[in-house]
């Protein structure tokens, strides 16, 4: 079973997400919205299949990364989230929540050995 297939997103804390978006748009040309930006791409082995990687600043006081104390969180794309979560639980990995399903995909959060929150994402 394939597990992680790539980086789904990079999320980081900052004092002023809007100001950070503006800076990256002005100086580095990122096409930002209030949620950050999405870098769109096509899969190398199947050019018909599109994907994206998210870049998103979050408010410094966000609780979204908890229980991690880090100022960042990485989102990894996976192929079969339910099977991977079952495998992780069986191996004793801390799974922080239940799989959440949205129109654009499924998500769950786990902790690595140093307490970093990791978001796993299966695109729709």
C-alpha atoms as a PDB file:
ATOM      1  CA  UNK A   1       0.000   0.000   0.000  1.00  0.00           C
ATOM      2  CA  UNK A   2       1.272   3.458  -0.873  1.00  0.00           C
ATOM      3  CA  UNK A   3       1.341   5.718   2.154  1.00  0.00           C
ATOM      4  CA  UNK A   4       2.542   9.304   1.773  1.00  0.00           C
ATOM      5  CA  UNK A   5       2.531  10.433  -1.855  1.00  0.00           C
ATOM      6  CA  UNK A   6       3.699  14.027  -1.352  1.00  0.00           C
ATOM      7  CA  UNK A   7       3.396  17.257   0.576  1.00  0.00           C
ATOM      8  CA  UNK A   8      -0.184  18.488   0.714  1.00  0.00           C
ATOM      9  CA  UNK A   9       0.568  21.723   2.492  1.00  0.00           C
ATOM     10  CA  UNK A  10       2.744  23.827   4.745  1.00  0.00           C
ATOM     11  CA  UNK A  11       1.052  25.761   7.541  1.00  0.00           C
ATOM     12  CA  UNK A  12       2.840  28.154   9.888  1.00  0.00           C
ATOM     13  CA  UNK A  13       2.011  30.611  12.648  1.00  0.00           C
ATOM     14  CA  UNK A  14       2.632  34.334  12.274  1.00  0.00           C
ATOM     15  CA  UNK A  15       1.552  37.537  13.988  1.00  0.00           C
ATOM     16  CA  UNK A  16      -0.410  38.925  11.018  1.00  0.00           C
ATOM     17  CA  UNK A  17      -1.485  36.419   8.327  1.00  0.00           C
ATOM     18  CA  UNK A  18      -2.935  39.137   6.066  1.00  0.00           C
ATOM     19  CA  UNK A  19       0.313  41.128   6.188  1.00  0.00           C
ATOM     20  CA  UNK A  20       2.281  37.937   5.538  1.00  0.00           C
ATOM     21  CA  UNK A  21       0.069  37.139   2.519  1.00  0.00           C
ATOM     22  CA  UNK A  22       0.585  40.669   1.189  1.00  0.00           C
ATOM     23  CA  UNK A  23       4.372  40.454   1.600  1.00  0.00           C
ATOM     24  CA  UNK A  24       4.623  37.114  -0.206  1.00  0.00           C
ATOM     25  CA  UNK A  25       2.324  38.348  -2.988  1.00  0.00           C
ATOM     26  CA  UNK A  26       4.271  41.590  -3.468  1.00  0.00           C
ATOM     27  CA  UNK A  27       7.813  40.304  -3.135  1.00  0.00           C
ATOM     28  CA  UNK A  28       7.628  36.676  -4.275  1.00  0.00           C
ATOM     29  CA  UNK A  29       4.573  36.761  -6.536  1.00  0.00           C
ATOM     30  CA  UNK A  30       2.456  34.211  -4.669  1.00  0.00           C
ATOM     31  CA  UNK A  31      -1.174  34.347  -5.854  1.00  0.00           C
ATOM     32  CA  UNK A  32      -2.670  34.557  -2.357  1.00  0.00           C
ATOM     33  CA  UNK A  33      -6.185  34.606  -0.954  1.00  0.00           C
ATOM     34  CA  UNK A  34      -7.187  35.079   2.671  1.00  0.00           C
ATOM     35  CA  UNK A  35      -6.260  31.393   3.219  1.00  0.00           C
ATOM     36  CA  UNK A  36      -2.821  31.510   1.609  1.00  0.00           C
ATOM     37  CA  UNK A  37      -2.178  30.003  -1.808  1.00  0.00           C
ATOM     38  CA  UNK A  38      -2.463  26.748  -3.709  1.00  0.00           C
ATOM     39  CA  UNK A  39       0.339  25.613  -5.995  1.00  0.00           C
ATOM     40  CA  UNK A  40      -1.333  23.556  -8.696  1.00  0.00           C
ATOM     41  CA  UNK A  41       0.501  20.794 -10.528  1.00  0.00           C
ATOM     42  CA  UNK A  42      -0.023  17.613 -12.544  1.00  0.00           C
ATOM     43  CA  UNK A  43       1.198  14.152 -11.642  1.00  0.00           C
ATOM     44  CA  UNK A  44       4.328  13.078 -13.463  1.00  0.00           C
ATOM     45  CA  UNK A  45       3.010   9.574 -14.296  1.00  0.00           C
ATOM     46  CA  UNK A  46      -0.482  10.790 -15.236  1.00  0.00           C
ATOM     47  CA  UNK A  47      -0.605  14.307 -16.691  1.00  0.00           C
ATOM     48  CA  UNK A  48      -4.402  14.196 -16.692  1.00  0.00           C
ATOM     49  CA  UNK A  49      -4.441  14.051 -12.890  1.00  0.00           C
ATOM     50  CA  UNK A  50      -4.184  17.455 -11.223  1.00  0.00           C
ATOM     51  CA  UNK A  51      -3.203  18.201  -7.665  1.00  0.00           C
ATOM     52  CA  UNK A  52      -2.172  21.067  -5.432  1.00  0.00           C
ATOM     53  CA  UNK A  53       0.023  21.974  -2.489  1.00  0.00           C
ATOM     54  CA  UNK A  54      -1.236  24.553   0.015  1.00  0.00           C
ATOM     55  CA  UNK A  55       0.875  27.286   1.633  1.00  0.00           C
ATOM     56  CA  UNK A  56      -0.959  29.000   4.476  1.00  0.00           C
ATOM     57  CA  UNK A  57      -0.016  31.399   7.275  1.00  0.00           C
ATOM     58  CA  UNK A  58      -2.131  30.999  10.418  1.00  0.00           C
ATOM     59  CA  UNK A  59      -2.685  33.394  13.333  1.00  0.00           C
ATOM     60  CA  UNK A  60      -0.045  33.133  16.074  1.00  0.00           C
ATOM     61  CA  UNK A  61      -2.741  32.074  18.548  1.00  0.00           C
ATOM     62  CA  UNK A  62      -4.234  29.305  16.380  1.00  0.00           C
ATOM     63  CA  UNK A  63      -5.171  26.141  18.238  1.00  0.00           C
ATOM     64  CA  UNK A  64      -5.158  24.142  14.998  1.00  0.00           C
ATOM     65  CA  UNK A  65      -1.690  22.635  15.552  1.00  0.00           C
ATOM     66  CA  UNK A  66      -2.390  21.519  19.132  1.00  0.00           C
ATOM     67  CA  UNK A  67      -1.343  19.593  21.081  1.00  0.00           C
ATOM     68  CA  UNK A  68       1.933  20.358  19.262  1.00  0.00           C
ATOM     69  CA  UNK A  69       3.759  23.414  20.577  1.00  0.00           C
ATOM     70  CA  UNK A  70       5.495  24.002  17.228  1.00  0.00           C
ATOM     71  CA  UNK A  71       4.819  27.025  15.022  1.00  0.00           C
ATOM     72  CA  UNK A  72       4.266  24.910  11.917  1.00  0.00           C
ATOM     73  CA  UNK A  73       2.428  21.856  10.667  1.00  0.00           C
ATOM     74  CA  UNK A  74       3.034  19.786   7.555  1.00  0.00           C
ATOM     75  CA  UNK A  75       0.173  18.196   5.651  1.00  0.00           C
ATOM     76  CA  UNK A  76       1.028  14.987   3.782  1.00  0.00           C
ATOM     77  CA  UNK A  77      -1.028  13.614   0.887  1.00  0.00           C
ATOM     78  CA  UNK A  78      -1.877   9.938   1.231  1.00  0.00           C
ATOM     79  CA  UNK A  79      -3.699   7.423  -0.940  1.00  0.00           C
ATOM     80  CA  UNK A  80      -5.838   5.389   1.480  1.00  0.00           C
ATOM     81  CA  UNK A  81      -6.387   7.325   4.682  1.00  0.00           C
ATOM     82  CA  UNK A  82      -8.661   4.786   6.403  1.00  0.00           C
ATOM     83  CA  UNK A  83      -6.214   1.916   5.886  1.00  0.00           C
ATOM     84  CA  UNK A  84      -3.271   4.076   6.945  1.00  0.00           C
ATOM     85  CA  UNK A  85      -5.046   5.218  10.125  1.00  0.00           C
ATOM     86  CA  UNK A  86      -5.825   1.595  11.025  1.00  0.00           C
ATOM     87  CA  UNK A  87      -2.162   0.694  10.481  1.00  0.00           C
ATOM     88  CA  UNK A  88      -0.965   3.660  12.569  1.00  0.00           C
ATOM     89  CA  UNK A  89      -3.332   2.839  15.443  1.00  0.00           C
ATOM     90  CA  UNK A  90      -2.185  -0.791  15.410  1.00  0.00           C
ATOM     91  CA  UNK A  91       1.416   0.447  15.674  1.00  0.00           C
ATOM     92  CA  UNK A  92       0.575   2.618  18.690  1.00  0.00           C
ATOM     93  CA  UNK A  93       0.779   5.973  16.899  1.00  0.00           C
ATOM     94  CA  UNK A  94      -1.312   8.724  18.540  1.00  0.00           C
ATOM     95  CA  UNK A  95      -4.226   9.581  16.269  1.00  0.00           C
ATOM     96  CA  UNK A  96      -5.713  12.857  17.505  1.00  0.00           C
ATOM     97  CA  UNK A  97      -9.137  12.828  15.865  1.00  0.00           C
ATOM     98  CA  UNK A  98     -11.509  10.902  13.649  1.00  0.00           C
ATOM     99  CA  UNK A  99     -11.278  11.118   9.876  1.00  0.00           C
ATOM    100  CA  UNK A 100     -13.134  14.234   8.694  1.00  0.00           C
ATOM    101  CA  UNK A 101     -14.595  14.165   5.184  1.00  0.00           C
ATOM    102  CA  UNK A 102     -15.193  17.229   2.997  1.00  0.00           C
ATOM    103  CA  UNK A 103     -15.964  17.755  -0.698  1.00  0.00           C
ATOM    104  CA  UNK A 104     -12.241  18.158  -1.411  1.00  0.00           C
ATOM    105  CA  UNK A 105     -10.925  15.248   0.653  1.00  0.00           C
ATOM    106  CA  UNK A 106     -10.438  13.489   3.990  1.00  0.00           C
ATOM    107  CA  UNK A 107      -8.251  14.610   6.897  1.00  0.00           C
ATOM    108  CA  UNK A 108      -6.908  13.277  10.182  1.00  0.00           C
ATOM    109  CA  UNK A 109      -4.199  14.454  12.593  1.00  0.00           C
ATOM    110  CA  UNK A 110      -1.496  12.328  14.233  1.00  0.00           C
ATOM    111  CA  UNK A 111       1.550  12.984  16.424  1.00  0.00           C
ATOM    112  CA  UNK A 112       5.103  12.054  15.539  1.00  0.00           C
ATOM    113  CA  UNK A 113       7.514  10.822  18.269  1.00  0.00           C
ATOM    114  CA  UNK A 114       8.445  14.399  19.270  1.00  0.00           C
ATOM    115  CA  UNK A 115       4.847  15.585  19.592  1.00  0.00           C
ATOM    116  CA  UNK A 116       4.612  17.394  16.256  1.00  0.00           C
ATOM    117  CA  UNK A 117       1.105  17.472  14.857  1.00  0.00           C
ATOM    118  CA  UNK A 118       0.926  16.078  11.323  1.00  0.00           C
ATOM    119  CA  UNK A 119      -2.095  16.398   9.087  1.00  0.00           C
ATOM    120  CA  UNK A 120      -2.800  13.512   6.708  1.00  0.00           C
ATOM    121  CA  UNK A 121      -4.906  14.327   3.644  1.00  0.00           C
ATOM    122  CA  UNK A 122      -6.519  12.059   1.065  1.00  0.00           C
ATOM    123  CA  UNK A 123      -7.701  14.203  -1.849  1.00  0.00           C
ATOM    124  CA  UNK A 124     -11.217  13.566  -3.151  1.00  0.00           C
END
